[in-house]
């Protein structure tokens, strides 16, 4: 099965944040899901990369963020 690609708008919806918040967070963050840039202004994300990135940031109660 081929990986589904998502836009920044779709990623923002998945994370339940507005697009501007996502853009700001990704611009200032030291990490984020790997990006695919088919053109200078278009950014896409593979769903498996996003899920992997989210899993790495899943916090279990009383454990903190795993790195």
PDB file of N, CA and C in Angstrom:
ATOM      1  N   UNK A   1       0.843  -1.189   0.000  1.00  0.00           N
ATOM      2  CA  UNK A   1       0.000   0.000   0.000  1.00  0.00           C
ATOM      3  C   UNK A   1       0.882   1.243   0.000  1.00  0.00           C
ATOM      4  N   UNK A   2       0.569   2.192  -0.856  1.00  0.00           N
ATOM      5  CA  UNK A   2       1.364   3.407  -0.969  1.00  0.00           C
ATOM      6  C   UNK A   2       1.068   4.362   0.186  1.00  0.00           C
ATOM      7  N   UNK A   3       2.132   5.025   0.638  1.00  0.00           N
ATOM      8  CA  UNK A   3       2.004   6.015   1.698  1.00  0.00           C
ATOM      9  C   UNK A   3       1.145   7.187   1.244  1.00  0.00           C
ATOM     10  N   UNK A   4       0.219   7.591   2.078  1.00  0.00           N
ATOM     11  CA  UNK A   4      -0.600   8.762   1.770  1.00  0.00           C
ATOM     12  C   UNK A   4       0.199  10.023   2.069  1.00  0.00           C
ATOM     13  N   UNK A   5       0.113  11.001   1.183  1.00  0.00           N
ATOM     14  CA  UNK A   5       0.776  12.282   1.390  1.00  0.00           C
ATOM     15  C   UNK A   5      -0.236  13.279   1.930  1.00  0.00           C
ATOM     16  N   UNK A   6       0.217  14.147   2.830  1.00  0.00           N
ATOM     17  CA  UNK A   6      -0.672  15.180   3.359  1.00  0.00           C
ATOM     18  C   UNK A   6      -0.021  16.542   3.262  1.00  0.00           C
ATOM     19  N   UNK A   7      -0.847  17.543   3.091  1.00  0.00           N
ATOM     20  CA  UNK A   7      -0.388  18.925   3.032  1.00  0.00           C
ATOM     21  C   UNK A   7      -0.218  19.462   4.457  1.00  0.00           C
ATOM     22  N   UNK A   8       0.337  20.661   4.566  1.00  0.00           N
ATOM     23  CA  UNK A   8       0.439  21.277   5.888  1.00  0.00           C
ATOM     24  C   UNK A   8      -0.943  21.505   6.473  1.00  0.00           C
ATOM     25  N   UNK A   9      -1.898  21.886   5.648  1.00  0.00           N
ATOM     26  CA  UNK A   9      -3.269  22.108   6.133  1.00  0.00           C
ATOM     27  C   UNK A   9      -3.843  20.808   6.700  1.00  0.00           C
ATOM     28  N   UNK A  10      -3.612  19.691   6.024  1.00  0.00           N
ATOM     29  CA  UNK A  10      -4.104  18.397   6.508  1.00  0.00           C
ATOM     30  C   UNK A  10      -3.387  17.987   7.789  1.00  0.00           C
ATOM     31  N   UNK A  11      -2.084  18.268   7.862  1.00  0.00           N
ATOM     32  CA  UNK A  11      -1.345  17.955   9.084  1.00  0.00           C
ATOM     33  C   UNK A  11      -1.869  18.795  10.246  1.00  0.00           C
ATOM     34  N   UNK A  12      -2.126  20.070  10.011  1.00  0.00           N
ATOM     35  CA  UNK A  12      -2.677  20.935  11.058  1.00  0.00           C
ATOM     36  C   UNK A  12      -4.017  20.386  11.546  1.00  0.00           C
ATOM     37  N   UNK A  13      -4.865  19.951  10.622  1.00  0.00           N
ATOM     38  CA  UNK A  13      -6.164  19.387  11.000  1.00  0.00           C
ATOM     39  C   UNK A  13      -5.980  18.112  11.828  1.00  0.00           C
ATOM     40  N   UNK A  14      -5.034  17.280  11.443  1.00  0.00           N
ATOM     41  CA  UNK A  14      -4.762  16.039  12.188  1.00  0.00           C
ATOM     42  C   UNK A  14      -4.309  16.347  13.615  1.00  0.00           C
ATOM     43  N   UNK A  15      -3.498  17.403  13.763  1.00  0.00           N
ATOM     44  CA  UNK A  15      -2.977  17.792  15.076  1.00  0.00           C
ATOM     45  C   UNK A  15      -3.950  18.675  15.851  1.00  0.00           C
ATOM     46  N   UNK A  16      -5.039  19.083  15.183  1.00  0.00           N
ATOM     47  CA  UNK A  16      -6.057  19.941  15.789  1.00  0.00           C
ATOM     48  C   UNK A  16      -5.488  21.298  16.226  1.00  0.00           C
ATOM     49  N   UNK A  17      -4.693  21.884  15.320  1.00  0.00           N
ATOM     50  CA  UNK A  17      -4.168  23.238  15.511  1.00  0.00           C
ATOM     51  C   UNK A  17      -4.429  24.019  14.225  1.00  0.00           C
ATOM     52  N   UNK A  18      -4.408  25.344  14.321  1.00  0.00           N
ATOM     53  CA  UNK A  18      -4.608  26.117  13.094  1.00  0.00           C
ATOM     54  C   UNK A  18      -3.322  26.074  12.259  1.00  0.00           C
ATOM     55  N   UNK A  19      -3.473  26.326  10.979  1.00  0.00           N
ATOM     56  CA  UNK A  19      -2.350  26.251  10.049  1.00  0.00           C
ATOM     57  C   UNK A  19      -1.224  27.193  10.465  1.00  0.00           C
ATOM     58  N   UNK A  20      -1.549  28.411  10.880  1.00  0.00           N
ATOM     59  CA  UNK A  20      -0.521  29.382  11.292  1.00  0.00           C
ATOM     60  C   UNK A  20       0.280  28.875  12.487  1.00  0.00           C
ATOM     61  N   UNK A  21      -0.391  28.237  13.436  1.00  0.00           N
ATOM     62  CA  UNK A  21       0.301  27.680  14.602  1.00  0.00           C
ATOM     63  C   UNK A  21       1.270  26.598  14.158  1.00  0.00           C
ATOM     64  N   UNK A  22       0.826  25.713  13.282  1.00  0.00           N
ATOM     65  CA  UNK A  22       1.699  24.653  12.774  1.00  0.00           C
ATOM     66  C   UNK A  22       2.906  25.249  12.058  1.00  0.00           C
ATOM     67  N   UNK A  23       2.675  26.214  11.174  1.00  0.00           N
ATOM     68  CA  UNK A  23       3.776  26.834  10.432  1.00  0.00           C
ATOM     69  C   UNK A  23       4.790  27.473  11.384  1.00  0.00           C
ATOM     70  N   UNK A  24       4.287  28.168  12.397  1.00  0.00           N
ATOM     71  CA  UNK A  24       5.174  28.810  13.376  1.00  0.00           C
ATOM     72  C   UNK A  24       5.972  27.763  14.165  1.00  0.00           C
ATOM     73  N   UNK A  25       5.293  26.726  14.620  1.00  0.00           N
ATOM     74  CA  UNK A  25       5.963  25.682  15.403  1.00  0.00           C
ATOM     75  C   UNK A  25       7.038  24.971  14.576  1.00  0.00           C
ATOM     76  N   UNK A  26       6.724  24.640  13.340  1.00  0.00           N
ATOM     77  CA  UNK A  26       7.707  23.945  12.501  1.00  0.00           C
ATOM     78  C   UNK A  26       8.873  24.853  12.132  1.00  0.00           C
ATOM     79  N   UNK A  27       8.619  26.149  11.987  1.00  0.00           N
ATOM     80  CA  UNK A  27       9.687  27.091  11.638  1.00  0.00           C
ATOM     81  C   UNK A  27      10.660  27.283  12.791  1.00  0.00           C
ATOM     82  N   UNK A  28      10.178  27.183  14.025  1.00  0.00           N
ATOM     83  CA  UNK A  28      11.043  27.426  15.183  1.00  0.00           C
ATOM     84  C   UNK A  28      11.508  26.147  15.868  1.00  0.00           C
ATOM     85  N   UNK A  29      10.896  25.025  15.537  1.00  0.00           N
ATOM     86  CA  UNK A  29      11.249  23.755  16.185  1.00  0.00           C
ATOM     87  C   UNK A  29      12.569  23.213  15.638  1.00  0.00           C
ATOM     88  N   UNK A  30      13.228  22.435  16.472  1.00  0.00           N
ATOM     89  CA  UNK A  30      14.469  21.786  16.036  1.00  0.00           C
ATOM     90  C   UNK A  30      14.185  20.499  15.277  1.00  0.00           C
ATOM     91  N   UNK A  31      12.959  20.030  15.376  1.00  0.00           N
ATOM     92  CA  UNK A  31      12.595  18.819  14.641  1.00  0.00           C
ATOM     93  C   UNK A  31      11.143  18.903  14.202  1.00  0.00           C
ATOM     94  N   UNK A  32      10.761  17.957  13.419  1.00  0.00           N
ATOM     95  CA  UNK A  32       9.404  17.862  12.895  1.00  0.00           C
ATOM     96  C   UNK A  32       9.380  16.648  11.994  1.00  0.00           C
ATOM     97  N   UNK A  33       8.231  16.313  11.477  1.00  0.00           N
ATOM     98  CA  UNK A  33       8.201  15.178  10.557  1.00  0.00           C
ATOM     99  C   UNK A  33       8.989  15.515   9.293  1.00  0.00           C
ATOM    100  N   UNK A  34       9.643  14.534   8.679  1.00  0.00           N
ATOM    101  CA  UNK A  34      10.377  14.796   7.435  1.00  0.00           C
ATOM    102  C   UNK A  34       9.464  15.390   6.369  1.00  0.00           C
ATOM    103  N   UNK A  35       9.997  16.372   5.656  1.00  0.00           N
ATOM    104  CA  UNK A  35       9.226  17.072   4.623  1.00  0.00           C
ATOM    105  C   UNK A  35       9.582  16.570   3.235  1.00  0.00           C
ATOM    106  N   UNK A  36       8.606  16.619   2.345  1.00  0.00           N
ATOM    107  CA  UNK A  36       8.820  16.388   0.921  1.00  0.00           C
ATOM    108  C   UNK A  36       8.531  17.726   0.253  1.00  0.00           C
ATOM    109  N   UNK A  37       9.470  18.223  -0.548  1.00  0.00           N
ATOM    110  CA  UNK A  37       9.301  19.520  -1.209  1.00  0.00           C
ATOM    111  C   UNK A  37       9.344  19.345  -2.732  1.00  0.00           C
ATOM    112  N   UNK A  38       8.174  19.085  -3.333  1.00  0.00           N
ATOM    113  CA  UNK A  38       8.137  18.935  -4.791  1.00  0.00           C
ATOM    114  C   UNK A  38       8.393  20.257  -5.515  1.00  0.00           C
ATOM    115  N   UNK A  39       8.222  21.366  -4.816  1.00  0.00           N
ATOM    116  CA  UNK A  39       8.531  22.691  -5.354  1.00  0.00           C
ATOM    117  C   UNK A  39       8.907  23.582  -4.169  1.00  0.00           C
ATOM    118  N   UNK A  40       9.501  24.730  -4.407  1.00  0.00           N
ATOM    119  CA  UNK A  40       9.949  25.582  -3.294  1.00  0.00           C
ATOM    120  C   UNK A  40       8.844  25.996  -2.317  1.00  0.00           C
ATOM    121  N   UNK A  41       7.612  26.114  -2.789  1.00  0.00           N
ATOM    122  CA  UNK A  41       6.536  26.592  -1.916  1.00  0.00           C
ATOM    123  C   UNK A  41       5.596  25.497  -1.433  1.00  0.00           C
ATOM    124  N   UNK A  42       5.758  24.285  -1.923  1.00  0.00           N
ATOM    125  CA  UNK A  42       4.840  23.190  -1.565  1.00  0.00           C
ATOM    126  C   UNK A  42       5.547  22.217  -0.636  1.00  0.00           C
ATOM    127  N   UNK A  43       4.918  21.932   0.504  1.00  0.00           N
ATOM    128  CA  UNK A  43       5.471  21.001   1.489  1.00  0.00           C
ATOM    129  C   UNK A  43       4.449  19.889   1.714  1.00  0.00           C
ATOM    130  N   UNK A  44       4.927  18.658   1.631  1.00  0.00           N
ATOM    131  CA  UNK A  44       4.078  17.489   1.866  1.00  0.00           C
ATOM    132  C   UNK A  44       4.721  16.616   2.932  1.00  0.00           C
ATOM    133  N   UNK A  45       3.903  15.763   3.547  1.00  0.00           N
ATOM    134  CA  UNK A  45       4.376  14.846   4.579  1.00  0.00           C
ATOM    135  C   UNK A  45       3.806  13.469   4.309  1.00  0.00           C
ATOM    136  N   UNK A  46       4.615  12.425   4.498  1.00  0.00           N
ATOM    137  CA  UNK A  46       4.112  11.049   4.408  1.00  0.00           C
ATOM    138  C   UNK A  46       3.402  10.718   5.717  1.00  0.00           C
ATOM    139  N   UNK A  47       2.262  10.072   5.607  1.00  0.00           N
ATOM    140  CA  UNK A  47       1.493   9.741   6.814  1.00  0.00           C
ATOM    141  C   UNK A  47       2.287   8.848   7.768  1.00  0.00           C
ATOM    142  N   UNK A  48       3.065   7.912   7.240  1.00  0.00           N
ATOM    143  CA  UNK A  48       3.852   7.054   8.136  1.00  0.00           C
ATOM    144  C   UNK A  48       4.934   7.852   8.863  1.00  0.00           C
ATOM    145  N   UNK A  49       5.537   8.856   8.198  1.00  0.00           N
ATOM    146  CA  UNK A  49       6.525   9.711   8.864  1.00  0.00           C
ATOM    147  C   UNK A  49       5.881  10.529   9.972  1.00  0.00           C
ATOM    148  N   UNK A  50       4.690  11.053   9.695  1.00  0.00           N
ATOM    149  CA  UNK A  50       3.973  11.843  10.704  1.00  0.00           C
ATOM    150  C   UNK A  50       3.629  10.955  11.898  1.00  0.00           C
ATOM    151  N   UNK A  51       3.111   9.759  11.640  1.00  0.00           N
ATOM    152  CA  UNK A  51       2.754   8.853  12.738  1.00  0.00           C
ATOM    153  C   UNK A  51       3.975   8.452  13.550  1.00  0.00           C
ATOM    154  N   UNK A  52       5.089   8.200  12.891  1.00  0.00           N
ATOM    155  CA  UNK A  52       6.334   7.866  13.583  1.00  0.00           C
ATOM    156  C   UNK A  52       6.804   9.036  14.455  1.00  0.00           C
ATOM    157  N   UNK A  53       6.737  10.249  13.900  1.00  0.00           N
ATOM    158  CA  UNK A  53       7.131  11.459  14.625  1.00  0.00           C
ATOM    159  C   UNK A  53       6.247  11.673  15.856  1.00  0.00           C
ATOM    160  N   UNK A  54       4.943  11.465  15.690  1.00  0.00           N
ATOM    161  CA  UNK A  54       4.026  11.604  16.827  1.00  0.00           C
ATOM    162  C   UNK A  54       4.278  10.534  17.887  1.00  0.00           C
ATOM    163  N   UNK A  55       4.524   9.313  17.454  1.00  0.00           N
ATOM    164  CA  UNK A  55       4.785   8.223  18.402  1.00  0.00           C
ATOM    165  C   UNK A  55       6.030   8.517  19.232  1.00  0.00           C
ATOM    166  N   UNK A  56       7.050   9.088  18.606  1.00  0.00           N
ATOM    167  CA  UNK A  56       8.281   9.421  19.324  1.00  0.00           C
ATOM    168  C   UNK A  56       8.050  10.520  20.360  1.00  0.00           C
ATOM    169  N   UNK A  57       6.969  11.280  20.201  1.00  0.00           N
ATOM    170  CA  UNK A  57       6.668  12.361  21.125  1.00  0.00           C
ATOM    171  C   UNK A  57       5.511  12.036  22.067  1.00  0.00           C
ATOM    172  N   UNK A  58       5.099  10.789  22.062  1.00  0.00           N
ATOM    173  CA  UNK A  58       4.036  10.372  22.960  1.00  0.00           C
ATOM    174  C   UNK A  58       4.592  10.283  24.376  1.00  0.00           C
ATOM    175  N   UNK A  59       3.915  10.942  25.288  1.00  0.00           N
ATOM    176  CA  UNK A  59       4.372  10.994  26.676  1.00  0.00           C
ATOM    177  C   UNK A  59       3.503  10.081  27.522  1.00  0.00           C
ATOM    178  N   UNK A  60       4.136   9.162  28.172  1.00  0.00           N
ATOM    179  CA  UNK A  60       3.428   8.298  29.119  1.00  0.00           C
ATOM    180  C   UNK A  60       3.399   9.028  30.462  1.00  0.00           C
ATOM    181  N   UNK A  61       2.380   8.814  31.219  1.00  0.00           N
ATOM    182  CA  UNK A  61       2.251   9.469  32.505  1.00  0.00           C
ATOM    183  C   UNK A  61       3.514   9.283  33.351  1.00  0.00           C
ATOM    184  N   UNK A  62       4.045  10.368  33.878  1.00  0.00           N
ATOM    185  CA  UNK A  62       5.221  10.394  34.758  1.00  0.00           C
ATOM    186  C   UNK A  62       6.510   9.974  34.080  1.00  0.00           C
ATOM    187  N   UNK A  63       6.607  10.072  32.743  1.00  0.00           N
ATOM    188  CA  UNK A  63       7.824   9.686  32.062  1.00  0.00           C
ATOM    189  C   UNK A  63       8.520  10.829  31.335  1.00  0.00           C
ATOM    190  N   UNK A  64       7.800  11.851  30.925  1.00  0.00           N
ATOM    191  CA  UNK A  64       8.394  12.918  30.131  1.00  0.00           C
ATOM    192  C   UNK A  64       8.484  12.506  28.679  1.00  0.00           C
ATOM    193  N   UNK A  65       9.082  13.365  27.869  1.00  0.00           N
ATOM    194  CA  UNK A  65       9.191  13.117  26.436  1.00  0.00           C
ATOM    195  C   UNK A  65      10.389  12.226  26.150  1.00  0.00           C
ATOM    196  N   UNK A  66      10.162  11.174  25.347  1.00  0.00           N
ATOM    197  CA  UNK A  66      11.262  10.290  24.963  1.00  0.00           C
ATOM    198  C   UNK A  66      12.032  10.915  23.810  1.00  0.00           C
ATOM    199  N   UNK A  67      13.344  10.807  23.833  1.00  0.00           N
ATOM    200  CA  UNK A  67      14.168  11.384  22.779  1.00  0.00           C
ATOM    201  C   UNK A  67      15.192  10.397  22.301  1.00  0.00           C
TER     202      UNK A  67
END
